């Protein structure tokens, strides 16, 4: 998952030099009790205990890009588009 700059499609500079979240990073991330993962996509650090799951974002309108490579047709799958056994997770704005 990346957050490119809307004007130039470049990554945003940030204090922890993190420009994406990808599968090799998963072992270092904190999982919830049920095994799910909460990502913090925001300008300011969510706190030292949650920084492993933080993707810094600018203090402006953003758009997220989720890259999925070589999708399979067998479960879990996003195929056929919008009807697969796996749906992309929603984004929830939290104060």
Protein backbone atom coordinates (compact mmCIF):
# COMPACT_ATOMS: atom_id res chain seq x y z
CA UNK A 1 0.00 0.00 0.00
CA UNK A 2 1.43 3.39 -0.94
CA UNK A 3 0.32 7.02 -0.74
CA UNK A 4 1.73 8.90 -3.73
CA UNK A 5 1.75 12.68 -3.87
CA UNK A 6 -1.35 13.68 -5.84
CA UNK A 7 0.45 16.34 -7.85
CA UNK A 8 3.56 14.49 -8.89
CA UNK A 9 2.86 10.81 -8.11
CA UNK A 10 5.95 10.69 -5.90
CA UNK A 11 6.19 9.38 -2.37
CA UNK A 12 5.77 11.82 0.52
CA UNK A 13 8.80 12.56 2.69
CA UNK A 14 8.17 11.59 6.29
CA UNK A 15 10.01 11.32 9.62
CA UNK A 16 10.44 7.52 9.58
CA UNK A 17 11.31 7.18 5.87
CA UNK A 18 8.46 4.72 5.32
CA UNK A 19 6.83 4.97 1.93
CA UNK A 20 4.86 1.76 1.74
CA UNK A 21 3.57 -1.22 3.64
CA UNK A 22 4.18 -4.57 2.01
CA UNK A 23 4.19 -8.27 2.87
CA UNK A 24 7.91 -8.47 3.89
CA UNK A 25 7.08 -5.95 6.66
CA UNK A 26 4.31 -8.10 8.20
CA UNK A 27 6.49 -10.01 10.73
CA UNK A 28 7.52 -6.69 12.33
CA UNK A 29 3.97 -5.36 12.60
CA UNK A 30 1.71 -5.68 15.65
CA UNK A 31 -1.32 -7.89 15.13
CA UNK A 32 -4.62 -7.56 17.00
CA UNK A 33 -5.76 -10.33 19.38
CA UNK A 34 -7.88 -11.87 16.59
CA UNK A 35 -4.91 -11.95 14.18
CA UNK A 36 -6.09 -8.97 12.13
CA UNK A 37 -3.91 -5.96 11.42
CA UNK A 38 -4.71 -2.30 12.05
CA UNK A 39 -2.79 0.19 9.93
CA UNK A 40 -2.47 3.82 11.01
CA UNK A 41 -2.47 6.05 7.95
CA UNK A 42 -2.06 9.57 9.27
CA UNK A 43 0.26 12.55 9.48
CA UNK A 44 1.31 12.27 13.12
CA UNK A 45 2.72 9.23 14.87
CA UNK A 46 0.00 7.12 16.50
CA UNK A 47 2.39 6.61 19.43
CA UNK A 48 5.51 4.53 19.94
CA UNK A 49 3.50 1.36 20.64
CA UNK A 50 1.69 1.63 17.26
CA UNK A 51 4.45 3.05 15.05
CA UNK A 52 5.26 -0.37 13.57
CA UNK A 53 1.85 -0.18 11.85
CA UNK A 54 2.08 3.48 10.81
CA UNK A 55 2.15 4.66 7.21
CA UNK A 56 2.82 8.41 7.40
CA UNK A 57 0.50 10.52 5.26
CA UNK A 58 0.42 14.22 4.44
CA UNK A 59 -1.98 16.54 6.24
CA UNK A 60 -4.13 16.83 3.11
CA UNK A 61 -6.40 14.76 0.92
CA UNK A 62 -4.76 11.45 0.06
CA UNK A 63 -5.43 8.47 -2.11
CA UNK A 64 -4.29 4.96 -1.32
CA UNK A 65 -2.94 2.54 -3.86
CA UNK A 66 -3.14 -1.18 -3.16
CA UNK A 67 -1.01 -3.29 -5.46
CA UNK A 68 -2.03 -6.92 -5.85
CA UNK A 69 0.22 -9.12 -7.97
CA UNK A 70 -0.71 -12.31 -9.83
CA UNK A 71 -4.16 -12.78 -8.36
CA UNK A 72 -5.37 -16.36 -8.30
CA UNK A 73 -8.82 -17.61 -9.15
CA UNK A 74 -8.86 -20.10 -6.26
CA UNK A 75 -9.81 -18.96 -2.73
CA UNK A 76 -8.87 -16.62 -1.25
CA UNK A 77 -9.05 -14.48 -4.36
CA UNK A 78 -10.23 -11.06 -5.52
CA UNK A 79 -11.33 -12.65 -8.80
CA UNK A 80 -13.74 -12.29 -10.39
CA UNK A 81 -13.44 -8.58 -9.66
CA UNK A 82 -15.82 -7.52 -6.90
CA UNK A 83 -17.18 -11.06 -6.51
CA UNK A 84 -14.20 -13.01 -5.21
CA UNK A 85 -13.88 -14.79 -1.87
CA UNK A 86 -11.63 -12.01 -0.55
CA UNK A 87 -12.70 -8.38 -0.53
CA UNK A 88 -10.36 -5.47 0.01
CA UNK A 89 -10.72 -4.14 3.56
CA UNK A 90 -12.47 -0.85 4.07
CA UNK A 91 -10.81 2.33 5.20
CA UNK A 92 -12.32 3.84 8.32
CA UNK A 93 -11.74 7.43 9.40
CA UNK A 94 -11.10 7.62 13.13
CA UNK A 95 -10.63 10.77 15.23
